[in-house]
């Protein structure tokens, strides 16, 4: 029996804690040898004051039990005890099952590169790969009905390559459909300079938090009469409060000092007014975080004048889409920024650049954005040491500047860049 120690409070709700405790209490009785019972009793007594890996003491708010959480919480053991083998002390990696959505165009190439880097770094990931949309369509299967939703829900996390959306005609966006079906309510876009990438600004370090499920992206539009089309902007108190709380909690957890709510409430007084009202109400619960507001057009101007003034930006869906791409342009473009779509039951990490059909299959695509998104995914899975090592290796390759792809001023192929990152590990 391979044992790891988990804190029951990793499950955040009473229902989850009860389910985990009951489930794994039963599993322990069914699977543990009788000799373990005495050790477990001793361990529970000792768990009141456990020495952490760094030598400090930690008080256990709940008993520690060995189990892989049914809600996808997989923490490496951070506490020494008779139940933890020595190989676990410094963060031995857990095995994760991740849904892989290669996407289209260069998607399969950059996914293959990222998988190689993660494997070389020692990530223990089983990939549940979804076929390409073109292959599914040849079989007469709709992408969103292909099992991708069920896979992402079951695994709790997905890594996704770029997918194209037809302009002014064709099928609805698969990207938006995936976010709505999985209720991925928060789009998290860190924007920070990558040393070695030329950009107009230095010192940029901001977080874009975008509401991801409603606004004009609800897709509610129709022709009133010929020549007149109406598109409905949906803003709800529930979604606005939820995304505001996400932004403030993220700011507090990550040591951010300021949140700007971005709006157009001077014109859309009811819809954007509701978004602002919810943001203000939530901000009152976080007196340690400075709260400011900016009209969206002024915010765009301020971003290109002095991006260093921003820390966390909180936006409704449409403004968030525009501003997050604008912010990416400040540090070198969409090819060097990650993106995560976070929900209560699943999260999808993706490259948000285009499918680049003009270079698909030529072996020159840059996998950096997807690699950075995979690093975010590892952080989300609490594989923090592994994420840090891969991030450091990638940044070393960029600092050296010898093996970069042509979109960032180099001449390397996808393969050469991938090998350089693996060597840097």
Protein backbone atom coordinates (compact mmCIF):
# COMPACT_ATOMS: atom_id res chain seq x y z
CA UNK A 1 0.00 0.00 0.00
CA UNK A 2 1.59 3.30 -1.09
CA UNK A 3 0.88 5.93 1.54
CA UNK A 4 0.79 9.68 1.31
CA UNK A 5 -0.41 12.17 3.86
CA UNK A 6 -3.14 14.68 3.05
CA UNK A 7 -4.81 17.38 5.04
CA UNK A 8 -8.57 16.97 5.18
CA UNK A 9 -8.95 20.75 5.01
CA UNK A 10 -7.60 20.66 1.44
CA UNK A 11 -11.21 19.93 0.54
CA UNK A 12 -12.70 23.36 0.96
CA UNK A 13 -16.34 22.68 1.75
CA UNK A 14 -17.89 20.68 4.59
CA UNK A 15 -19.58 18.43 2.03
CA UNK A 16 -16.25 17.68 0.35
CA UNK A 17 -14.51 17.09 3.66
CA UNK A 18 -17.26 14.74 4.77
CA UNK A 19 -17.23 12.86 1.49
CA UNK A 20 -13.43 12.50 1.51
CA UNK A 21 -13.31 11.48 5.15
CA UNK A 22 -16.06 8.90 4.78
CA UNK A 23 -14.75 7.55 1.48
CA UNK A 24 -11.19 7.07 2.60
CA UNK A 25 -12.05 5.94 6.09
CA UNK A 26 -13.82 3.04 4.39
CA UNK A 27 -10.95 2.50 1.93
CA UNK A 28 -8.43 2.44 4.76
CA UNK A 29 -10.40 -0.23 6.62
CA UNK A 30 -10.74 -2.29 3.46
CA UNK A 31 -7.18 -2.03 2.19
CA UNK A 32 -4.84 -1.37 5.11
CA UNK A 33 -3.07 -4.24 6.85
CA UNK A 34 -4.00 -4.77 10.47
CA UNK A 35 -0.54 -3.68 11.58
CA UNK A 36 -1.25 -0.19 10.26
CA UNK A 37 -4.02 0.49 12.76
CA UNK A 38 -1.69 1.06 15.70
CA UNK A 39 0.61 3.26 13.65
CA UNK A 40 -2.33 5.31 12.42
CA UNK A 41 -3.52 5.85 15.98
CA UNK A 42 -0.03 6.99 16.97
CA UNK A 43 0.16 9.20 13.93
CA UNK A 44 -3.11 10.93 14.72
CA UNK A 45 -1.86 11.70 18.21
CA UNK A 46 1.42 13.00 16.82
CA UNK A 47 -0.30 15.06 14.15
CA UNK A 48 -1.18 17.76 16.65
CA UNK A 49 2.31 19.17 16.20
CA UNK A 50 4.03 17.98 13.03
CA UNK A 51 7.47 19.10 11.85
CA UNK A 52 7.26 20.38 8.27
CA UNK A 53 9.87 19.73 5.60
CA UNK A 54 11.53 23.08 6.38
CA UNK A 55 11.85 22.23 10.07
CA UNK A 56 9.06 24.52 11.26
CA UNK A 57 6.09 23.33 13.29
CA UNK A 58 2.55 23.21 12.02
CA UNK A 59 -0.67 22.69 13.92
CA UNK A 60 -3.02 20.20 12.32
CA UNK A 61 -6.52 21.66 12.27
CA UNK A 62 -7.91 18.28 11.26
CA UNK A 63 -6.43 14.78 11.51
CA UNK A 64 -4.21 13.80 8.62
CA UNK A 65 -5.21 10.70 6.72
CA UNK A 66 -3.58 8.94 3.78
CA UNK A 67 -5.78 9.31 0.72
CA UNK A 68 -5.92 10.64 -2.85
CA UNK A 69 -8.75 13.19 -2.68
CA UNK A 70 -11.76 12.39 -4.83
CA UNK A 71 -12.03 16.10 -5.68
CA UNK A 72 -8.66 16.11 -7.42
CA UNK A 73 -6.60 17.62 -4.57
CA UNK A 74 -3.27 15.84 -4.89
CA UNK A 75 -0.66 17.28 -2.54
CA UNK A 76 2.81 15.88 -2.06
CA UNK A 77 3.57 15.04 1.53
CA UNK A 78 4.94 18.07 3.36
CA UNK A 79 5.08 16.43 6.77
CA UNK A 80 7.48 13.76 8.05
CA UNK A 81 5.85 10.85 9.82
CA UNK A 82 6.02 7.10 10.17
CA UNK A 83 3.45 6.87 7.35
CA UNK A 84 5.56 8.78 4.83
CA UNK A 85 8.41 7.03 3.04
CA UNK A 86 11.61 9.12 2.83
CA UNK A 87 11.24 9.45 -0.95
CA UNK A 88 8.13 11.53 -0.30
CA UNK A 89 9.81 14.11 1.94
CA UNK A 90 10.94 16.48 -0.76
CA UNK A 91 7.83 16.40 -2.90
CA UNK A 92 7.68 13.12 -4.78
CA UNK A 93 5.25 13.65 -7.63
CA UNK A 94 1.76 12.24 -7.69
CA UNK A 95 0.27 10.79 -10.86
CA UNK A 96 -2.36 12.97 -12.50
CA UNK A 97 -4.78 12.27 -15.32
CA UNK A 98 -5.16 15.30 -17.57
CA UNK A 99 -7.46 15.80 -20.55
CA UNK A 100 -5.42 16.86 -23.59
CA UNK A 101 -7.13 18.86 -26.34
CA UNK A 102 -4.50 19.37 -29.08
CA UNK A 103 -6.64 21.85 -31.00
CA UNK A 104 -5.99 22.77 -34.62
CA UNK A 105 -3.25 24.10 -36.88
CA UNK A 106 -0.02 24.09 -34.90
CA UNK A 107 -1.84 22.67 -31.88
CA UNK A 108 -0.66 19.08 -32.24
CA UNK A 109 2.98 20.20 -32.68
CA UNK A 110 3.12 22.44 -29.63
CA UNK A 111 1.22 19.88 -27.53
CA UNK A 112 3.78 17.23 -28.45
CA UNK A 113 6.61 19.58 -27.48
CA UNK A 114 5.07 20.43 -24.12
CA UNK A 115 4.39 16.77 -23.35
CA UNK A 116 8.05 15.97 -24.00
CA UNK A 117 9.24 18.74 -21.69
CA UNK A 118 6.89 17.70 -18.90
CA UNK A 119 7.94 14.07 -19.25
CA UNK A 120 11.63 15.01 -19.20
CA UNK A 121 11.04 17.03 -16.05
CA UNK A 122 9.57 14.01 -14.32
CA UNK A 123 5.87 14.89 -14.41
CA UNK A 124 3.77 11.80 -13.86
CA UNK A 125 0.81 12.55 -16.11
CA UNK A 126 -1.53 10.19 -17.89
CA UNK A 127 -2.99 12.01 -20.89
CA UNK A 128 -6.62 11.50 -21.88
CA UNK A 129 -6.29 12.81 -25.44
CA UNK A 130 -9.26 14.09 -27.41
CA UNK A 131 -9.14 13.63 -31.22
CA UNK A 132 -8.81 16.71 -33.41
CA UNK A 133 -12.05 18.46 -34.33
CA UNK A 134 -11.45 17.76 -38.04
CA UNK A 135 -11.18 14.03 -37.31
CA UNK A 136 -14.35 14.11 -35.20
CA UNK A 137 -16.25 15.95 -37.92
CA UNK A 138 -15.18 13.34 -40.46
CA UNK A 139 -16.83 10.79 -38.18
CA UNK A 140 -19.94 12.97 -37.93
CA UNK A 141 -19.31 13.77 -34.24
CA UNK A 142 -19.75 17.25 -32.78
CA UNK A 143 -16.67 18.34 -30.81
CA UNK A 144 -18.57 19.32 -27.66
CA UNK A 145 -20.43 15.97 -27.77
CA UNK A 146 -17.28 13.92 -28.32
CA UNK A 147 -16.67 13.21 -24.66
CA UNK A 148 -14.41 16.21 -24.08
CA UNK A 149 -16.77 17.74 -21.49
CA UNK A 150 -17.11 14.45 -19.62
CA UNK A 151 -13.34 13.88 -19.71
CA UNK A 152 -12.53 17.34 -18.35
CA UNK A 153 -15.13 17.00 -15.61
CA UNK A 154 -13.86 13.57 -14.60
CA UNK A 155 -10.19 14.56 -14.58
CA UNK A 156 -10.76 18.05 -13.22
CA UNK A 157 -8.10 19.60 -15.43
CA UNK A 158 -7.32 19.93 -19.14
CA UNK A 159 -4.52 21.31 -21.31
CA UNK A 160 -5.69 22.79 -24.58
CA UNK A 161 -4.10 23.95 -27.82
CA UNK A 162 -5.54 26.70 -30.05
CA UNK A 163 -8.87 26.27 -31.84
CA UNK A 164 -10.12 28.48 -34.65
CA UNK A 165 -13.47 30.28 -34.74
CA UNK A 166 -15.10 31.32 -38.01
CA UNK A 167 -15.68 35.07 -38.40
CA UNK A 168 -19.20 36.40 -39.14
CA UNK A 169 -20.47 32.95 -40.13
CA UNK A 170 -20.13 29.27 -39.32
CA UNK A 171 -20.46 27.38 -36.07
CA UNK A 172 -20.37 29.06 -32.66
CA UNK A 173 -17.00 29.30 -30.93
CA UNK A 174 -15.87 25.96 -29.50
CA UNK A 175 -13.68 27.86 -27.04
CA UNK A 176 -16.65 29.73 -25.59
CA UNK A 177 -18.79 26.59 -25.69
CA UNK A 178 -16.20 24.67 -23.67
CA UNK A 179 -15.97 27.40 -21.03
CA UNK A 180 -19.72 27.65 -20.68
CA UNK A 181 -20.33 23.89 -20.58
CA UNK A 182 -17.72 23.44 -17.84
CA UNK A 183 -18.72 26.66 -16.04
CA UNK A 184 -15.16 27.97 -16.24
CA UNK A 185 -16.15 31.28 -14.76
CA UNK A 186 -12.71 32.89 -14.31
CA UNK A 187 -10.14 33.53 -17.01
CA UNK A 188 -6.78 34.14 -15.38
CA UNK A 189 -4.11 35.76 -17.56
CA UNK A 190 -0.76 36.63 -15.94
CA UNK A 191 1.12 39.20 -18.02
CA UNK A 192 4.80 39.62 -17.21
CA UNK A 193 7.97 40.43 -19.13
CA UNK A 194 9.98 37.41 -20.26
CA UNK A 195 13.68 38.26 -20.24
CA UNK A 196 15.05 37.80 -23.74
CA UNK A 197 11.85 38.90 -25.50
CA UNK A 198 11.96 42.41 -26.88
CA UNK A 199 9.04 44.61 -25.85
CA UNK A 200 8.17 48.26 -25.53
CA UNK A 201 7.92 48.11 -21.75
CA UNK A 202 9.89 46.54 -18.91
CA UNK A 203 8.67 45.88 -15.39
CA UNK A 204 5.22 44.75 -16.51
CA UNK A 205 3.71 42.36 -13.97
CA UNK A 206 -0.07 42.29 -13.88
CA UNK A 207 -2.90 39.80 -13.57
CA UNK A 208 -5.98 39.99 -15.80
CA UNK A 209 -9.09 38.45 -14.22
CA UNK A 210 -11.93 38.17 -16.72
CA UNK A 211 -15.48 36.94 -16.12
CA UNK A 212 -15.82 34.06 -18.54
CA UNK A 213 -19.45 32.93 -18.81
CA UNK A 214 -21.79 35.80 -19.71
CA UNK A 215 -21.85 39.38 -21.06
CA UNK A 216 -22.17 39.60 -24.87
CA UNK A 217 -20.54 36.17 -25.08
CA UNK A 218 -23.82 34.61 -24.01
CA UNK A 219 -24.51 34.42 -27.75
CA UNK A 220 -28.05 35.80 -27.51
CA UNK A 221 -28.60 37.74 -30.71
CA UNK A 222 -31.29 37.85 -33.35
CA UNK A 223 -32.57 39.88 -36.27
CA UNK A 224 -35.39 42.18 -35.18
CA UNK A 225 -36.29 43.14 -38.73
CA UNK A 226 -34.17 42.95 -41.89
CA UNK A 227 -31.20 45.23 -41.41
CA UNK A 228 -31.54 45.43 -37.61
CA UNK A 229 -29.78 42.94 -35.30
CA UNK A 230 -30.07 42.89 -31.54
CA UNK A 231 -27.40 41.34 -29.29
CA UNK A 232 -28.13 40.94 -25.59
CA UNK A 233 -25.58 41.75 -22.91
CA UNK A 234 -26.19 39.57 -19.86
CA UNK A 235 -24.71 40.66 -16.52
CA UNK A 236 -25.85 38.90 -13.35
CA UNK A 237 -25.23 39.57 -9.69
CA UNK A 238 -24.17 35.96 -9.14
CA UNK A 239 -21.48 35.91 -11.82
CA UNK A 240 -20.23 39.42 -11.06
CA UNK A 241 -19.90 38.72 -7.34
CA UNK A 242 -18.21 35.39 -8.00
CA UNK A 243 -15.56 36.86 -10.32
CA UNK A 244 -14.93 39.81 -8.02
CA UNK A 245 -14.37 37.50 -5.07
CA UNK A 246 -12.04 35.38 -7.19
CA UNK A 247 -9.97 38.47 -8.07
CA UNK A 248 -9.69 39.70 -4.49
CA UNK A 249 -8.93 36.26 -3.08
CA UNK A 250 -6.25 35.76 -5.73
CA UNK A 251 -4.77 39.18 -4.91
CA UNK A 252 -4.61 38.41 -1.21
CA UNK A 253 -3.19 34.91 -1.68
CA UNK A 254 -0.47 36.07 -4.06
CA UNK A 255 0.53 39.26 -2.26
CA UNK A 256 -1.03 41.64 -4.77
CA UNK A 257 -1.87 45.09 -3.44
CA UNK A 258 -4.41 46.61 -5.81
CA UNK A 259 -7.47 45.65 -7.85
CA UNK A 260 -8.85 47.85 -10.64
CA UNK A 261 -12.43 47.16 -11.73
CA UNK A 262 -12.80 48.06 -15.41
CA UNK A 263 -16.23 49.14 -16.70
CA UNK A 264 -18.33 51.37 -18.96
CA UNK A 265 -20.96 52.24 -16.36
CA UNK A 266 -21.07 55.85 -17.51
CA UNK A 267 -22.98 54.58 -20.58
CA UNK A 268 -24.31 51.13 -19.60
CA UNK A 269 -25.56 52.22 -16.22
CA UNK A 270 -27.59 49.12 -15.42
CA UNK A 271 -25.43 46.26 -16.72
CA UNK A 272 -21.96 47.62 -15.99
CA UNK A 273 -23.48 49.42 -13.01
CA UNK A 274 -24.43 46.03 -11.55
CA UNK A 275 -20.92 44.72 -12.19
CA UNK A 276 -19.47 47.72 -10.35
CA UNK A 277 -21.91 47.40 -7.47
CA UNK A 278 -20.91 43.77 -6.95
CA UNK A 279 -17.21 44.64 -7.17
CA UNK A 280 -17.62 47.37 -4.56
CA UNK A 281 -19.50 45.08 -2.21
CA UNK A 282 -16.81 42.42 -2.42
CA UNK A 283 -14.00 44.97 -2.06
CA UNK A 284 -15.41 45.95 1.34
CA UNK A 285 -14.54 42.42 2.56
CA UNK A 286 -10.87 42.96 1.66
CA UNK A 287 -9.73 46.17 3.38
CA UNK A 288 -6.09 45.13 2.90
CA UNK A 289 -6.45 45.34 -0.90
CA UNK A 290 -6.66 48.78 -2.52
CA UNK A 291 -9.71 49.07 -4.80
CA UNK A 292 -9.95 51.39 -7.81
CA UNK A 293 -12.21 51.80 -10.83
CA UNK A 294 -11.48 52.86 -14.40
CA UNK A 295 -13.67 53.35 -17.47
CA UNK A 296 -12.51 50.83 -20.05
CA UNK A 297 -11.36 53.33 -22.71
CA UNK A 298 -9.30 55.24 -20.13
CA UNK A 299 -7.93 51.94 -18.84
CA UNK A 300 -6.65 51.07 -22.32
CA UNK A 301 -4.93 54.44 -22.62
CA UNK A 302 -3.37 54.08 -19.16
CA UNK A 303 -2.12 50.60 -20.02
CA UNK A 304 -0.08 51.85 -22.97
CA UNK A 305 1.12 54.93 -21.08
CA UNK A 306 2.21 53.30 -17.83
CA UNK A 307 1.43 49.60 -17.41
CA UNK A 308 3.45 49.43 -14.17
CA UNK A 309 0.60 51.18 -12.31
CA UNK A 310 -1.58 48.07 -12.62
CA UNK A 311 -1.54 45.01 -10.41
CA UNK A 312 -4.82 43.05 -10.77
CA UNK A 313 -7.46 44.04 -13.32
CA UNK A 314 -11.03 42.81 -12.88
CA UNK A 315 -13.21 42.90 -16.00
CA UNK A 316 -16.48 41.63 -17.52
CA UNK A 317 -16.14 39.20 -20.40
CA UNK A 318 -15.87 41.43 -23.48
CA UNK A 319 -13.59 44.07 -21.94
CA UNK A 320 -11.49 41.29 -20.46
CA UNK A 321 -11.02 39.69 -23.86
CA UNK A 322 -9.83 42.95 -25.40
CA UNK A 323 -7.68 44.16 -22.51
CA UNK A 324 -5.96 40.80 -21.96
CA UNK A 325 -4.75 40.77 -25.57
CA UNK A 326 -3.73 44.42 -25.34
CA UNK A 327 -1.74 43.62 -22.19
CA UNK A 328 -0.06 40.68 -23.91
CA UNK A 329 1.14 43.08 -26.59
CA UNK A 330 2.99 45.06 -23.93
CA UNK A 331 5.33 42.11 -23.23
CA UNK A 332 5.77 40.55 -26.67
CA UNK A 333 2.44 39.11 -27.74
CA UNK A 334 0.16 36.13 -27.17
CA UNK A 335 2.99 33.71 -27.86
CA UNK A 336 4.63 34.48 -24.52
CA UNK A 337 1.70 34.64 -22.08
CA UNK A 338 -0.26 31.80 -20.44
CA UNK A 339 -3.97 31.47 -19.77
CA UNK A 340 -6.07 29.48 -17.34
CA UNK A 341 -9.85 29.05 -17.25
CA UNK A 342 -10.88 28.20 -13.72
CA UNK A 343 -14.13 26.62 -12.56
CA UNK A 344 -15.40 25.00 -9.40
CA UNK A 345 -15.23 21.47 -10.82
CA UNK A 346 -12.74 21.72 -13.70
CA UNK A 347 -10.05 24.00 -15.09
CA UNK A 348 -8.68 24.32 -18.62
CA UNK A 349 -5.24 25.77 -19.33
CA UNK A 350 -4.64 26.86 -22.88
CA UNK A 351 -2.58 28.76 -25.41
CA UNK A 352 -4.70 31.72 -26.54
CA UNK A 353 -2.80 32.56 -29.71
CA UNK A 354 -4.12 31.55 -33.12
CA UNK A 355 -3.87 28.23 -34.89
CA UNK A 356 -1.27 29.64 -37.36
CA UNK A 357 -2.30 27.49 -40.34
CA UNK A 358 0.41 29.13 -42.47
CA UNK A 359 3.16 27.40 -40.47
CA UNK A 360 1.31 24.26 -39.39
CA UNK A 361 3.35 21.14 -40.09
CA UNK A 362 6.57 23.07 -40.78
CA UNK A 363 8.10 22.44 -37.37
CA UNK A 364 8.74 26.09 -36.54
CA UNK A 365 5.90 26.85 -34.11
CA UNK A 366 6.71 28.31 -30.71
CA UNK A 367 5.31 26.18 -27.85
CA UNK A 368 6.09 28.79 -25.15
CA UNK A 369 2.52 29.97 -24.49
CA UNK A 370 1.27 26.41 -24.07
CA UNK A 371 4.31 25.52 -21.95
CA UNK A 372 3.62 28.51 -19.69
CA UNK A 373 -0.01 27.42 -19.45
CA UNK A 374 1.15 23.91 -18.53
CA UNK A 375 3.28 25.45 -15.77
CA UNK A 376 0.13 27.19 -14.50
CA UNK A 377 -1.59 23.81 -14.64
CA UNK A 378 1.14 22.21 -12.54
CA UNK A 379 0.82 25.00 -9.99
CA UNK A 380 -2.92 24.39 -9.93
CA UNK A 381 -2.20 20.70 -9.25
CA UNK A 382 0.13 21.75 -6.40
CA UNK A 383 3.20 20.42 -8.23
CA UNK A 384 5.00 23.61 -7.25
CA UNK A 385 8.60 22.41 -7.31
CA UNK A 386 8.13 20.79 -10.71
CA UNK A 387 6.48 23.94 -12.09
CA UNK A 388 9.33 26.08 -10.79
CA UNK A 389 11.98 23.86 -12.40
CA UNK A 390 10.33 23.92 -15.81
CA UNK A 391 9.76 27.66 -15.59
CA UNK A 392 13.41 28.24 -14.65
CA UNK A 393 14.59 26.06 -17.56
CA UNK A 394 12.39 27.91 -20.06
CA UNK A 395 13.55 31.31 -18.79
CA UNK A 396 17.18 30.21 -19.00
CA UNK A 397 16.72 29.35 -22.69
CA UNK A 398 15.19 32.79 -23.29
CA UNK A 399 17.94 34.60 -21.36
CA UNK A 400 20.63 32.85 -23.37
CA UNK A 401 18.78 33.69 -26.59
CA UNK A 402 20.57 31.05 -28.66
CA UNK A 403 17.69 28.67 -29.36
CA UNK A 404 14.58 30.79 -29.85
CA UNK A 405 11.95 30.39 -32.55
CA UNK A 406 11.62 32.98 -35.27
CA UNK A 407 8.54 34.71 -33.84
CA UNK A 408 10.72 35.99 -30.98
CA UNK A 409 13.75 36.86 -33.07
CA UNK A 410 15.48 33.49 -33.37
CA UNK A 411 15.79 30.82 -36.03
CA UNK A 412 15.30 27.60 -34.05
CA UNK A 413 12.74 24.94 -34.89
CA UNK A 414 10.15 23.66 -32.46
CA UNK A 415 12.32 20.59 -31.92
CA UNK A 416 15.45 22.63 -31.21
CA UNK A 417 13.66 24.87 -28.72
CA UNK A 418 12.16 21.85 -26.99
CA UNK A 419 15.56 20.14 -26.72
CA UNK A 420 17.09 23.34 -25.32
CA UNK A 421 14.50 23.51 -22.54
CA UNK A 422 15.03 19.82 -21.73
CA UNK A 423 18.79 20.34 -21.51
CA UNK A 424 18.24 23.34 -19.24
CA UNK A 425 16.29 21.15 -16.82
